[in-house]
N, C-alpha and C. Protein backbone atom coordinates (compact mmCIF):
# COMPACT_ATOMS: atom_id res chain seq x y z
N MET A 1 0.82 -1.18 0.00
CA MET A 1 0.00 0.00 0.00
C MET A 1 0.88 1.26 0.00
N LEU A 2 1.90 1.27 0.84
CA LEU A 2 2.79 2.43 0.89
C LEU A 2 3.52 2.63 -0.44
N GLN A 3 3.88 1.55 -1.09
CA GLN A 3 4.56 1.66 -2.38
C GLN A 3 3.63 2.25 -3.44
N MET A 4 2.35 1.90 -3.38
CA MET A 4 1.39 2.49 -4.32
C MET A 4 1.27 4.00 -4.08
N VAL A 5 1.23 4.41 -2.83
CA VAL A 5 1.17 5.84 -2.50
C VAL A 5 2.44 6.53 -2.98
N ALA A 6 3.59 5.95 -2.67
CA ALA A 6 4.88 6.53 -3.06
C ALA A 6 5.01 6.69 -4.56
N SER A 7 4.41 5.79 -5.32
CA SER A 7 4.52 5.86 -6.78
C SER A 7 3.46 6.78 -7.40
N GLY A 8 2.61 7.37 -6.56
CA GLY A 8 1.59 8.29 -7.07
C GLY A 8 0.39 7.58 -7.65
N ARG A 9 0.24 6.30 -7.37
CA ARG A 9 -0.86 5.53 -7.95
C ARG A 9 -2.00 5.29 -6.97
N SER A 10 -1.87 5.83 -5.74
CA SER A 10 -2.89 5.55 -4.73
C SER A 10 -2.81 6.58 -3.61
N VAL A 11 -3.84 6.61 -2.81
CA VAL A 11 -3.84 7.33 -1.55
C VAL A 11 -4.26 6.34 -0.49
N ALA A 12 -3.95 6.62 0.77
CA ALA A 12 -4.31 5.70 1.84
C ALA A 12 -4.56 6.48 3.13
N ALA A 13 -5.50 6.02 3.91
CA ALA A 13 -5.73 6.57 5.25
C ALA A 13 -4.95 5.70 6.23
N LEU A 14 -3.90 6.27 6.77
CA LEU A 14 -2.98 5.51 7.63
C LEU A 14 -2.71 6.30 8.91
N PRO A 15 -2.28 5.61 9.97
CA PRO A 15 -1.89 6.34 11.17
C PRO A 15 -0.67 7.22 10.90
N LYS A 16 -0.64 8.38 11.55
CA LYS A 16 0.46 9.32 11.34
C LYS A 16 1.81 8.69 11.69
N TRP A 17 1.84 7.83 12.74
CA TRP A 17 3.11 7.22 13.13
C TRP A 17 3.67 6.33 12.03
N LEU A 18 2.78 5.69 11.27
CA LEU A 18 3.25 4.82 10.18
C LEU A 18 3.82 5.65 9.04
N VAL A 19 3.14 6.72 8.69
CA VAL A 19 3.64 7.61 7.64
C VAL A 19 4.98 8.19 8.06
N ALA A 20 5.09 8.64 9.32
CA ALA A 20 6.34 9.23 9.82
C ALA A 20 7.49 8.24 9.71
N GLU A 21 7.21 6.97 9.97
CA GLU A 21 8.28 5.97 9.92
C GLU A 21 8.84 5.78 8.51
N TYR A 22 8.00 5.91 7.50
CA TYR A 22 8.44 5.65 6.12
C TYR A 22 8.56 6.92 5.28
N GLN A 23 8.29 8.07 5.86
CA GLN A 23 8.26 9.32 5.12
C GLN A 23 9.55 9.61 4.36
N ARG A 24 10.67 9.52 5.02
CA ARG A 24 11.95 9.85 4.37
C ARG A 24 12.33 8.85 3.30
N GLN A 25 12.22 7.59 3.59
CA GLN A 25 12.69 6.58 2.63
C GLN A 25 11.76 6.39 1.45
N MET A 26 10.47 6.73 1.60
CA MET A 26 9.53 6.50 0.50
C MET A 26 9.02 7.78 -0.14
N GLY A 27 9.36 8.92 0.44
CA GLY A 27 8.92 10.19 -0.14
C GLY A 27 7.43 10.43 -0.02
N ILE A 28 6.82 9.98 1.07
CA ILE A 28 5.39 10.20 1.29
C ILE A 28 5.22 11.25 2.38
N VAL A 29 4.08 11.90 2.40
CA VAL A 29 3.81 12.93 3.40
C VAL A 29 2.43 12.73 4.01
N PRO A 30 2.28 13.06 5.29
CA PRO A 30 0.95 12.97 5.91
C PRO A 30 0.10 14.18 5.50
N VAL A 31 -1.18 13.96 5.31
CA VAL A 31 -2.15 15.01 5.00
C VAL A 31 -3.35 14.79 5.91
N ARG A 32 -3.75 15.82 6.66
CA ARG A 32 -4.89 15.70 7.56
C ARG A 32 -6.18 15.64 6.74
N LEU A 33 -7.08 14.76 7.10
CA LEU A 33 -8.39 14.68 6.46
C LEU A 33 -9.38 15.51 7.26
N GLY A 34 -9.75 16.67 6.75
CA GLY A 34 -10.67 17.55 7.45
C GLY A 34 -9.96 18.42 8.47
N ARG A 35 -10.70 19.33 9.05
CA ARG A 35 -10.12 20.29 9.99
C ARG A 35 -9.52 19.62 11.22
N HIS A 36 -10.17 18.59 11.74
CA HIS A 36 -9.73 17.93 12.96
C HIS A 36 -9.22 16.51 12.73
N GLY A 37 -9.02 16.14 11.49
CA GLY A 37 -8.61 14.76 11.21
C GLY A 37 -9.79 13.82 11.37
N ILE A 38 -9.53 12.55 11.44
CA ILE A 38 -10.60 11.58 11.65
C ILE A 38 -10.30 10.79 12.92
N SER A 39 -11.36 10.43 13.63
CA SER A 39 -11.16 9.63 14.83
C SER A 39 -11.21 8.16 14.46
N LYS A 40 -10.66 7.35 15.34
CA LYS A 40 -10.61 5.92 15.05
C LYS A 40 -10.75 5.14 16.34
N GLN A 41 -11.12 3.90 16.21
CA GLN A 41 -11.19 2.98 17.34
C GLN A 41 -10.55 1.68 16.91
N ILE A 42 -10.10 0.93 17.89
CA ILE A 42 -9.58 -0.41 17.61
C ILE A 42 -10.35 -1.38 18.49
N PHE A 43 -10.78 -2.47 17.91
CA PHE A 43 -11.47 -3.51 18.65
C PHE A 43 -10.60 -4.76 18.59
N LEU A 44 -10.34 -5.34 19.73
CA LEU A 44 -9.49 -6.51 19.81
C LEU A 44 -10.30 -7.71 20.27
N GLY A 45 -9.97 -8.83 19.71
CA GLY A 45 -10.54 -10.09 20.17
C GLY A 45 -9.39 -11.07 20.38
N LEU A 46 -9.41 -11.78 21.47
CA LEU A 46 -8.36 -12.76 21.72
C LEU A 46 -8.89 -13.88 22.59
N ARG A 47 -8.19 -14.98 22.56
CA ARG A 47 -8.56 -16.14 23.37
C ARG A 47 -8.14 -15.90 24.81
N VAL A 48 -8.95 -16.33 25.75
CA VAL A 48 -8.63 -16.19 27.17
C VAL A 48 -7.27 -16.82 27.46
N THR A 49 -6.97 -17.92 26.82
CA THR A 49 -5.70 -18.62 27.06
C THR A 49 -4.48 -17.82 26.59
N ASP A 50 -4.70 -16.81 25.74
CA ASP A 50 -3.58 -16.02 25.22
C ASP A 50 -3.33 -14.74 26.01
N THR A 51 -4.18 -14.42 26.97
CA THR A 51 -4.05 -13.14 27.67
C THR A 51 -2.80 -13.04 28.53
N GLU A 52 -2.20 -14.16 28.88
CA GLU A 52 -1.00 -14.14 29.72
C GLU A 52 0.30 -14.14 28.90
N ILE A 53 0.21 -14.23 27.59
CA ILE A 53 1.40 -14.18 26.75
C ILE A 53 1.93 -12.75 26.76
N ASP A 54 3.20 -12.58 27.04
CA ASP A 54 3.78 -11.25 27.23
C ASP A 54 3.50 -10.29 26.08
N TYR A 55 3.77 -10.71 24.84
CA TYR A 55 3.59 -9.78 23.73
C TYR A 55 2.13 -9.46 23.48
N VAL A 56 1.23 -10.39 23.76
CA VAL A 56 -0.20 -10.12 23.62
C VAL A 56 -0.64 -9.12 24.69
N ALA A 57 -0.23 -9.35 25.93
CA ALA A 57 -0.57 -8.43 27.02
C ALA A 57 -0.02 -7.03 26.74
N ALA A 58 1.20 -6.94 26.21
CA ALA A 58 1.80 -5.64 25.89
C ALA A 58 1.01 -4.93 24.79
N PHE A 59 0.56 -5.68 23.80
CA PHE A 59 -0.22 -5.08 22.71
C PHE A 59 -1.55 -4.56 23.22
N VAL A 60 -2.23 -5.35 24.06
CA VAL A 60 -3.50 -4.92 24.63
C VAL A 60 -3.30 -3.66 25.47
N LYS A 61 -2.24 -3.61 26.26
CA LYS A 61 -1.95 -2.43 27.08
C LYS A 61 -1.73 -1.21 26.18
N LEU A 62 -0.97 -1.38 25.12
CA LEU A 62 -0.72 -0.28 24.19
C LEU A 62 -2.02 0.19 23.52
N ALA A 63 -2.84 -0.76 23.11
CA ALA A 63 -4.10 -0.42 22.44
C ALA A 63 -5.04 0.32 23.38
N ARG A 64 -4.99 0.02 24.66
CA ARG A 64 -5.87 0.67 25.64
C ARG A 64 -5.38 2.06 26.04
N SER A 65 -4.10 2.34 25.81
CA SER A 65 -3.54 3.62 26.25
C SER A 65 -4.01 4.75 25.36
N LYS A 66 -4.11 5.92 25.95
CA LYS A 66 -4.47 7.10 25.18
C LYS A 66 -3.18 7.78 24.74
N PRO A 67 -3.08 8.20 23.49
CA PRO A 67 -1.85 8.86 23.03
C PRO A 67 -1.64 10.18 23.75
N GLN A 68 -0.39 10.52 23.98
CA GLN A 68 -0.04 11.82 24.58
C GLN A 68 -0.28 12.90 23.54
N ARG A 69 -0.70 14.06 23.98
CA ARG A 69 -0.90 15.19 23.06
C ARG A 69 0.43 15.50 22.38
N GLY A 70 0.42 15.62 21.06
CA GLY A 70 1.64 15.91 20.31
C GLY A 70 2.45 14.66 20.03
N SER A 71 1.94 13.49 20.43
CA SER A 71 2.64 12.23 20.21
C SER A 71 2.59 11.86 18.74
N SER A 72 3.58 11.09 18.30
CA SER A 72 3.56 10.62 16.92
C SER A 72 2.63 9.44 16.75
N ARG A 73 2.07 8.94 17.85
CA ARG A 73 1.15 7.81 17.79
C ARG A 73 -0.26 8.33 17.62
N ALA A 74 -0.62 8.72 16.41
CA ALA A 74 -1.96 9.26 16.19
C ALA A 74 -2.59 8.70 14.96
């Protein structure tokens, strides 16, 4: 998807942190959609048996956290 955007053949609605990570190497730039951007939600589903796996627990914790104002995680 990023390669299609970089080649001028596509546009994509992506998190700002993802665009920032590839901006220099792929020549892409973030563009806000609307005056205030767009809001988003993430819904997670997982097996009860997987909740104690470290990387799963870390991902759930990250997904539940609210981004800091001015953070690149937006």
